[in-house]
Amino acid sequence: MKVAALKTYMRRVGERPRLLVKIETDEGVTGWSEAYNHGPDYAQLPVLEYMFQQIKGVDPRRVEYVVRRLIQEARFPPGAIRLAAISAIDHALWDIPGKAAGFPVYLLLGGQVRDRVPVYCGVYTAPDPSVCRDLTQSLNE
């Protein structure tokens, strides 16, 4: 299995830009992730394309190798945009062996850790505290 393509999809959801990343393999297995946006909406696209040229043809199941390669082969220390791009590639690559094995990624990474997850409400706006309580309760049921 080899990395064959990297595609990006930019969408705006409300006030926030969303950049989805899709990594395709030569065997038809794909991995998806979202790149956190640190700057101008389209700043990460050329960075991701540049990084794809570094990982094209590599076995996508060698996730740590790919991430270390992207960090170590750079001329300068990674900044926020490049780290976000590496993170998006990392997440998409983990999706590929999970799908190939037929398991959710969390099983490949050591299995379930907790039965409940605390939720932090509020990214750009602060919802009413009762909404947060209701959301937390519904997620923990």
N, C-alpha and C. Protein backbone atom coordinates (compact mmCIF):
# COMPACT_ATOMS: atom_id res chain seq x y z
N MET A 1 0.86 -1.18 0.00
CA MET A 1 0.00 0.00 0.00
C MET A 1 0.90 1.23 0.00
N LYS A 2 0.55 2.21 -0.84
CA LYS A 2 1.35 3.43 -0.96
C LYS A 2 0.44 4.67 -1.02
N VAL A 3 0.94 5.80 -0.50
CA VAL A 3 0.23 7.06 -0.59
C VAL A 3 0.20 7.47 -2.07
N ALA A 4 -1.00 7.71 -2.59
CA ALA A 4 -1.14 8.03 -4.01
C ALA A 4 -1.61 9.47 -4.26
N ALA A 5 -2.40 10.03 -3.34
CA ALA A 5 -2.91 11.39 -3.57
C ALA A 5 -3.27 12.04 -2.24
N LEU A 6 -3.24 13.36 -2.23
CA LEU A 6 -3.70 14.16 -1.10
C LEU A 6 -4.62 15.22 -1.68
N LYS A 7 -5.85 15.26 -1.19
CA LYS A 7 -6.82 16.23 -1.68
C LYS A 7 -7.33 17.06 -0.50
N THR A 8 -7.65 18.30 -0.79
CA THR A 8 -8.15 19.20 0.25
C THR A 8 -9.51 19.75 -0.16
N TYR A 9 -10.33 20.01 0.84
CA TYR A 9 -11.68 20.54 0.62
C TYR A 9 -11.90 21.67 1.62
N MET A 10 -11.97 22.90 1.13
CA MET A 10 -12.18 24.07 2.00
C MET A 10 -13.65 24.44 2.00
N ARG A 11 -14.21 24.56 3.19
CA ARG A 11 -15.60 24.99 3.37
C ARG A 11 -15.66 25.95 4.54
N ARG A 12 -16.64 26.82 4.52
CA ARG A 12 -16.88 27.68 5.67
C ARG A 12 -18.12 27.17 6.38
N VAL A 13 -18.01 27.04 7.69
CA VAL A 13 -19.14 26.66 8.52
C VAL A 13 -19.38 27.83 9.46
N GLY A 14 -20.41 28.61 9.16
CA GLY A 14 -20.63 29.83 9.93
C GLY A 14 -19.48 30.79 9.70
N GLU A 15 -18.85 31.21 10.78
CA GLU A 15 -17.73 32.15 10.70
C GLU A 15 -16.38 31.45 10.59
N ARG A 16 -16.38 30.14 10.61
CA ARG A 16 -15.11 29.42 10.70
C ARG A 16 -14.80 28.63 9.42
N PRO A 17 -13.58 28.80 8.91
CA PRO A 17 -13.19 27.98 7.76
C PRO A 17 -12.84 26.56 8.22
N ARG A 18 -13.22 25.59 7.41
CA ARG A 18 -12.90 24.19 7.69
C ARG A 18 -12.11 23.64 6.52
N LEU A 19 -10.99 23.02 6.80
CA LEU A 19 -10.17 22.42 5.76
C LEU A 19 -10.09 20.92 6.01
N LEU A 20 -10.77 20.15 5.16
CA LEU A 20 -10.73 18.70 5.26
C LEU A 20 -9.62 18.18 4.36
N VAL A 21 -8.94 17.15 4.84
CA VAL A 21 -7.82 16.56 4.12
C VAL A 21 -8.14 15.09 3.88
N LYS A 22 -7.94 14.66 2.64
CA LYS A 22 -8.17 13.26 2.26
C LYS A 22 -6.88 12.71 1.67
N ILE A 23 -6.40 11.61 2.23
CA ILE A 23 -5.23 10.93 1.68
C ILE A 23 -5.71 9.63 1.05
N GLU A 24 -5.36 9.44 -0.21
CA GLU A 24 -5.76 8.24 -0.95
C GLU A 24 -4.57 7.32 -1.13
N THR A 25 -4.83 6.02 -1.13
CA THR A 25 -3.77 5.04 -1.37
C THR A 25 -4.00 4.37 -2.72
N ASP A 26 -2.97 3.70 -3.19
CA ASP A 26 -3.06 2.98 -4.47
C ASP A 26 -3.96 1.75 -4.37
N GLU A 27 -4.36 1.38 -3.15
CA GLU A 27 -5.26 0.23 -2.96
C GLU A 27 -6.69 0.66 -2.70
N GLY A 28 -6.96 1.96 -2.81
CA GLY A 28 -8.33 2.46 -2.66
C GLY A 28 -8.76 2.78 -1.25
N VAL A 29 -7.90 2.60 -0.26
CA VAL A 29 -8.23 2.95 1.13
C VAL A 29 -7.92 4.43 1.31
N THR A 30 -8.84 5.16 1.93
CA THR A 30 -8.64 6.59 2.12
C THR A 30 -8.68 6.94 3.61
N GLY A 31 -7.97 8.00 3.95
CA GLY A 31 -7.97 8.51 5.31
C GLY A 31 -8.38 9.98 5.30
N TRP A 32 -9.19 10.36 6.26
CA TRP A 32 -9.69 11.73 6.35
C TRP A 32 -9.25 12.39 7.66
N SER A 33 -9.11 13.72 7.59
CA SER A 33 -8.84 14.50 8.79
C SER A 33 -9.26 15.95 8.54
N GLU A 34 -9.11 16.75 9.58
CA GLU A 34 -9.36 18.18 9.46
C GLU A 34 -8.11 18.93 9.88
N ALA A 35 -7.72 19.91 9.11
CA ALA A 35 -6.55 20.72 9.44
C ALA A 35 -7.01 21.96 10.19
N TYR A 36 -6.42 22.19 11.34
CA TYR A 36 -6.74 23.41 12.09
C TYR A 36 -6.16 24.60 11.35
N ASN A 37 -6.93 25.65 11.24
CA ASN A 37 -6.52 26.80 10.45
C ASN A 37 -5.89 27.87 11.35
N HIS A 38 -4.64 28.21 11.09
CA HIS A 38 -3.90 29.18 11.90
C HIS A 38 -3.69 30.52 11.23
N GLY A 39 -4.14 30.68 10.02
CA GLY A 39 -3.82 31.91 9.33
C GLY A 39 -4.84 32.20 8.26
N PRO A 40 -4.41 32.82 7.19
CA PRO A 40 -5.34 33.05 6.08
C PRO A 40 -5.94 31.72 5.62
N ASP A 41 -7.19 31.76 5.23
CA ASP A 41 -7.92 30.52 4.93
C ASP A 41 -7.16 29.55 4.03
N TYR A 42 -6.51 30.05 3.01
CA TYR A 42 -5.88 29.16 2.04
C TYR A 42 -4.36 29.00 2.25
N ALA A 43 -3.85 29.39 3.39
CA ALA A 43 -2.41 29.33 3.64
C ALA A 43 -1.89 27.90 3.74
N GLN A 44 -2.71 26.98 4.21
CA GLN A 44 -2.24 25.62 4.40
C GLN A 44 -2.24 24.79 3.12
N LEU A 45 -2.99 25.19 2.13
CA LEU A 45 -3.09 24.38 0.92
C LEU A 45 -1.74 24.14 0.25
N PRO A 46 -0.93 25.18 0.00
CA PRO A 46 0.38 24.90 -0.62
C PRO A 46 1.32 24.13 0.30
N VAL A 47 1.19 24.30 1.60
CA VAL A 47 2.02 23.57 2.54
C VAL A 47 1.68 22.07 2.48
N LEU A 48 0.40 21.76 2.45
CA LEU A 48 -0.02 20.36 2.34
C LEU A 48 0.42 19.76 1.01
N GLU A 49 0.32 20.52 -0.07
CA GLU A 49 0.76 20.02 -1.37
C GLU A 49 2.26 19.76 -1.37
N TYR A 50 3.03 20.65 -0.77
CA TYR A 50 4.48 20.47 -0.66
C TYR A 50 4.80 19.21 0.14
N MET A 51 4.12 19.02 1.25
CA MET A 51 4.37 17.85 2.09
C MET A 51 3.95 16.57 1.39
N PHE A 52 2.90 16.63 0.60
CA PHE A 52 2.48 15.43 -0.14
C PHE A 52 3.61 14.94 -1.04
N GLN A 53 4.33 15.87 -1.67
CA GLN A 53 5.45 15.47 -2.54
C GLN A 53 6.52 14.71 -1.75
N GLN A 54 6.61 14.98 -0.44
CA GLN A 54 7.59 14.29 0.41
C GLN A 54 7.14 12.88 0.82
N ILE A 55 5.82 12.64 0.82
CA ILE A 55 5.32 11.35 1.30
C ILE A 55 4.69 10.50 0.19
N LYS A 56 4.63 11.02 -1.00
CA LYS A 56 4.05 10.26 -2.13
C LYS A 56 4.83 8.96 -2.30
N GLY A 57 4.10 7.85 -2.38
CA GLY A 57 4.72 6.55 -2.57
C GLY A 57 5.13 5.84 -1.29
N VAL A 58 5.00 6.49 -0.15
CA VAL A 58 5.38 5.90 1.14
C VAL A 58 4.22 5.04 1.65
N ASP A 59 4.53 4.00 2.39
CA ASP A 59 3.51 3.16 3.00
C ASP A 59 2.79 3.99 4.07
N PRO A 60 1.47 4.21 3.93
CA PRO A 60 0.74 5.08 4.87
C PRO A 60 0.60 4.47 6.26
N ARG A 61 0.90 3.20 6.40
CA ARG A 61 0.82 2.57 7.73
C ARG A 61 2.04 2.89 8.58
N ARG A 62 3.06 3.49 7.98
CA ARG A 62 4.26 3.90 8.72
C ARG A 62 4.06 5.34 9.23
N VAL A 63 3.07 5.52 10.06
CA VAL A 63 2.64 6.86 10.49
C VAL A 63 3.76 7.63 11.17
N GLU A 64 4.41 7.03 12.14
CA GLU A 64 5.46 7.74 12.87
C GLU A 64 6.63 8.09 11.96
N TYR A 65 6.98 7.19 11.05
CA TYR A 65 8.04 7.47 10.08
C TYR A 65 7.70 8.70 9.25
N VAL A 66 6.46 8.76 8.76
CA VAL A 66 6.04 9.90 7.92
C VAL A 66 6.10 11.20 8.71
N VAL A 67 5.57 11.20 9.92
CA VAL A 67 5.56 12.43 10.73
C VAL A 67 6.98 12.88 11.04
N ARG A 68 7.83 11.98 11.44
CA ARG A 68 9.23 12.35 11.73
C ARG A 68 9.93 12.85 10.47
N ARG A 69 9.65 12.23 9.35
CA ARG A 69 10.25 12.67 8.08
C ARG A 69 9.82 14.10 7.75
N LEU A 70 8.54 14.39 7.90
CA LEU A 70 8.06 15.74 7.60
C LEU A 70 8.68 16.80 8.50
N ILE A 71 8.94 16.43 9.74
CA ILE A 71 9.56 17.38 10.67
C ILE A 71 11.06 17.50 10.41
N GLN A 72 11.72 16.38 10.21
CA GLN A 72 13.19 16.39 10.11
C GLN A 72 13.72 16.86 8.76
N GLU A 73 12.94 16.73 7.70
CA GLU A 73 13.43 17.12 6.38
C GLU A 73 13.20 18.60 6.06
N ALA A 74 12.67 19.32 7.01
CA ALA A 74 12.42 20.74 6.78
C ALA A 74 13.69 21.56 7.03
N ARG A 75 13.81 22.66 6.31
CA ARG A 75 14.98 23.54 6.51
C ARG A 75 14.88 24.37 7.77
N PHE A 76 13.64 24.67 8.18
CA PHE A 76 13.43 25.53 9.34
C PHE A 76 12.50 24.83 10.32
N PRO A 77 12.54 25.20 11.60
CA PRO A 77 11.61 24.61 12.56
C PRO A 77 10.17 24.90 12.13
N PRO A 78 9.27 23.95 12.36
CA PRO A 78 7.90 24.15 11.90
C PRO A 78 7.18 25.22 12.71
N GLY A 79 6.42 26.04 12.02
CA GLY A 79 5.57 27.02 12.67
C GLY A 79 4.16 26.47 12.79
N ALA A 80 3.24 27.33 13.18
CA ALA A 80 1.86 26.89 13.43
C ALA A 80 1.20 26.28 12.20
N ILE A 81 1.37 26.89 11.04
CA ILE A 81 0.70 26.38 9.84
C ILE A 81 1.27 25.01 9.46
N ARG A 82 2.58 24.86 9.50
CA ARG A 82 3.19 23.59 9.13
C ARG A 82 2.87 22.50 10.15
N LEU A 83 2.86 22.83 11.42
CA LEU A 83 2.50 21.84 12.44
C LEU A 83 1.05 21.39 12.28
N ALA A 84 0.16 22.32 11.95
CA ALA A 84 -1.24 21.95 11.72
C ALA A 84 -1.36 21.04 10.50
N ALA A 85 -0.57 21.29 9.47
CA ALA A 85 -0.58 20.45 8.28
C ALA A 85 -0.05 19.05 8.61
N ILE A 86 1.03 18.97 9.38
CA ILE A 86 1.58 17.68 9.78
C ILE A 86 0.55 16.92 10.62
N SER A 87 -0.12 17.62 11.50
CA SER A 87 -1.15 16.99 12.33
C SER A 87 -2.28 16.43 11.48
N ALA A 88 -2.71 17.18 10.47
CA ALA A 88 -3.78 16.71 9.59
C ALA A 88 -3.33 15.46 8.83
N ILE A 89 -2.10 15.45 8.36
CA ILE A 89 -1.57 14.27 7.66
C ILE A 89 -1.50 13.09 8.62
N ASP A 90 -1.02 13.33 9.83
CA ASP A 90 -0.93 12.30 10.86
C ASP A 90 -2.29 11.66 11.10
N HIS A 91 -3.30 12.47 11.30
CA HIS A 91 -4.64 11.94 11.59
C HIS A 91 -5.21 11.17 10.40
N ALA A 92 -5.02 11.70 9.20
CA ALA A 92 -5.52 11.00 8.01
C ALA A 92 -4.80 9.66 7.82
N LEU A 93 -3.50 9.63 8.12
CA LEU A 93 -2.76 8.39 7.99
C LEU A 93 -3.23 7.34 9.00
N TRP A 94 -3.55 7.76 10.22
CA TRP A 94 -4.06 6.79 11.20
C TRP A 94 -5.40 6.22 10.76
N ASP A 95 -6.17 6.99 10.04
CA ASP A 95 -7.47 6.52 9.55
C ASP A 95 -7.30 5.35 8.57
N ILE A 96 -6.22 5.35 7.81
CA ILE A 96 -6.01 4.33 6.78
C ILE A 96 -5.79 2.93 7.36
N PRO A 97 -4.85 2.71 8.29
CA PRO A 97 -4.72 1.34 8.82
C PRO A 97 -5.94 0.90 9.62
N GLY A 98 -6.63 1.85 10.22
CA GLY A 98 -7.87 1.51 10.93
C GLY A 98 -8.91 0.95 9.97
N LYS A 99 -9.09 1.64 8.85
CA LYS A 99 -10.05 1.16 7.85
C LYS A 99 -9.58 -0.15 7.22
N ALA A 100 -8.29 -0.26 6.94
CA ALA A 100 -7.76 -1.48 6.33
C ALA A 100 -7.94 -2.68 7.25
N ALA A 101 -7.80 -2.47 8.56
CA ALA A 101 -7.95 -3.56 9.53
C ALA A 101 -9.41 -3.78 9.93
N GLY A 102 -10.27 -2.82 9.60
CA GLY A 102 -11.67 -2.93 9.99
C GLY A 102 -11.94 -2.57 11.43
N PHE A 103 -11.04 -1.78 12.02
CA PHE A 103 -11.18 -1.37 13.42
C PHE A 103 -11.22 0.16 13.52
N PRO A 104 -11.90 0.68 14.54
CA PRO A 104 -11.77 2.12 14.80
C PRO A 104 -10.34 2.41 15.27
N VAL A 105 -9.85 3.58 14.97
CA VAL A 105 -8.46 3.93 15.28
C VAL A 105 -8.15 3.80 16.77
N TYR A 106 -9.11 4.10 17.63
CA TYR A 106 -8.80 4.04 19.06
C TYR A 106 -8.38 2.64 19.50
N LEU A 107 -8.84 1.60 18.81
CA LEU A 107 -8.40 0.25 19.14
C LEU A 107 -6.94 0.03 18.75
N LEU A 108 -6.51 0.64 17.64
CA LEU A 108 -5.12 0.52 17.23
C LEU A 108 -4.18 1.27 18.17
N LEU A 109 -4.72 2.30 18.84
CA LEU A 109 -3.90 3.14 19.71
C LEU A 109 -3.97 2.74 21.17
N GLY A 110 -4.50 1.56 21.46
CA GLY A 110 -4.50 1.09 22.83
C GLY A 110 -5.86 0.84 23.44
N GLY A 111 -6.93 1.08 22.72
CA GLY A 111 -8.26 0.76 23.22
C GLY A 111 -8.91 1.86 24.02
N GLN A 112 -10.12 1.58 24.46
CA GLN A 112 -10.91 2.55 25.21
C GLN A 112 -10.26 2.84 26.56
N VAL A 113 -10.22 4.12 26.92
CA VAL A 113 -9.58 4.54 28.16
C VAL A 113 -10.61 4.89 29.23
N ARG A 114 -11.70 5.54 28.84
CA ARG A 114 -12.67 6.01 29.83
C ARG A 114 -14.09 5.74 29.35
N ASP A 115 -15.01 5.76 30.31
CA ASP A 115 -16.42 5.56 29.98
C ASP A 115 -17.16 6.87 29.82
N ARG A 116 -16.60 7.94 30.34
CA ARG A 116 -17.23 9.27 30.26
C ARG A 116 -16.18 10.26 29.79
N VAL A 117 -16.63 11.28 29.06
CA VAL A 117 -15.74 12.31 28.56
C VAL A 117 -16.29 13.67 28.96
N PRO A 118 -15.53 14.45 29.74
CA PRO A 118 -16.00 15.80 30.04
C PRO A 118 -15.96 16.65 28.78
N VAL A 119 -16.91 17.53 28.64
CA VAL A 119 -17.03 18.35 27.44
C VAL A 119 -16.83 19.81 27.79
N TYR A 120 -16.01 20.48 27.01
CA TYR A 120 -15.82 21.92 27.15
C TYR A 120 -16.68 22.58 26.09
N CYS A 121 -17.61 23.39 26.51
CA CYS A 121 -18.48 24.10 25.56
C CYS A 121 -17.96 25.50 25.34
N GLY A 122 -17.84 25.88 24.12
CA GLY A 122 -17.45 27.24 23.81
C GLY A 122 -16.13 27.30 23.08
N VAL A 123 -16.18 27.56 21.81
CA VAL A 123 -14.98 27.75 21.01
C VAL A 123 -14.87 29.22 20.64
N TYR A 124 -15.88 29.70 19.95
CA TYR A 124 -15.89 31.11 19.58
C TYR A 124 -16.99 31.87 20.30
N THR A 125 -17.98 31.14 20.77
CA THR A 125 -19.05 31.77 21.53
C THR A 125 -19.26 30.96 22.79
N ALA A 126 -19.79 31.57 23.79
CA ALA A 126 -20.04 30.87 25.05
C ALA A 126 -21.53 30.59 25.16
N PRO A 127 -21.94 29.32 25.01
CA PRO A 127 -23.36 29.01 25.12
C PRO A 127 -23.82 29.10 26.57
N ASP A 128 -25.09 29.10 26.74
CA ASP A 128 -25.69 29.12 28.06
C ASP A 128 -25.21 27.90 28.84
N PRO A 129 -24.84 28.05 30.12
CA PRO A 129 -24.33 26.91 30.90
C PRO A 129 -25.28 25.71 30.94
N SER A 130 -26.58 25.96 30.91
CA SER A 130 -27.52 24.84 30.92
C SER A 130 -27.40 23.99 29.65
N VAL A 131 -27.06 24.63 28.54
CA VAL A 131 -26.86 23.89 27.28
C VAL A 131 -25.66 22.97 27.43
N CYS A 132 -24.59 23.47 28.06
CA CYS A 132 -23.40 22.64 28.29
C CYS A 132 -23.73 21.45 29.18
N ARG A 133 -24.48 21.70 30.25
CA ARG A 133 -24.85 20.60 31.16
C ARG A 133 -25.67 19.55 30.42
N ASP A 134 -26.65 20.01 29.63
CA ASP A 134 -27.50 19.07 28.88
C ASP A 134 -26.68 18.27 27.88
N LEU A 135 -25.75 18.94 27.19
CA LEU A 135 -24.90 18.26 26.23
C LEU A 135 -24.01 17.24 26.90
N THR A 136 -23.40 17.60 28.03
CA THR A 136 -22.53 16.69 28.76
C THR A 136 -23.31 15.48 29.25
N GLN A 137 -24.50 15.70 29.77
CA GLN A 137 -25.32 14.60 30.26
C GLN A 137 -25.71 13.65 29.13
N SER A 138 -26.10 14.19 27.98
CA SER A 138 -26.49 13.33 26.87
C SER A 138 -25.33 12.53 26.31
N LEU A 139 -24.12 13.10 26.31
CA LEU A 139 -22.94 12.37 25.83
C LEU A 139 -22.52 11.26 26.80
N ASN A 140 -22.80 11.46 28.08
CA ASN A 140 -22.37 10.48 29.07
C ASN A 140 -23.42 9.39 29.32
N GLU A 141 -24.56 9.48 28.67
CA GLU A 141 -25.60 8.45 28.86
C GLU A 141 -25.36 7.26 27.99
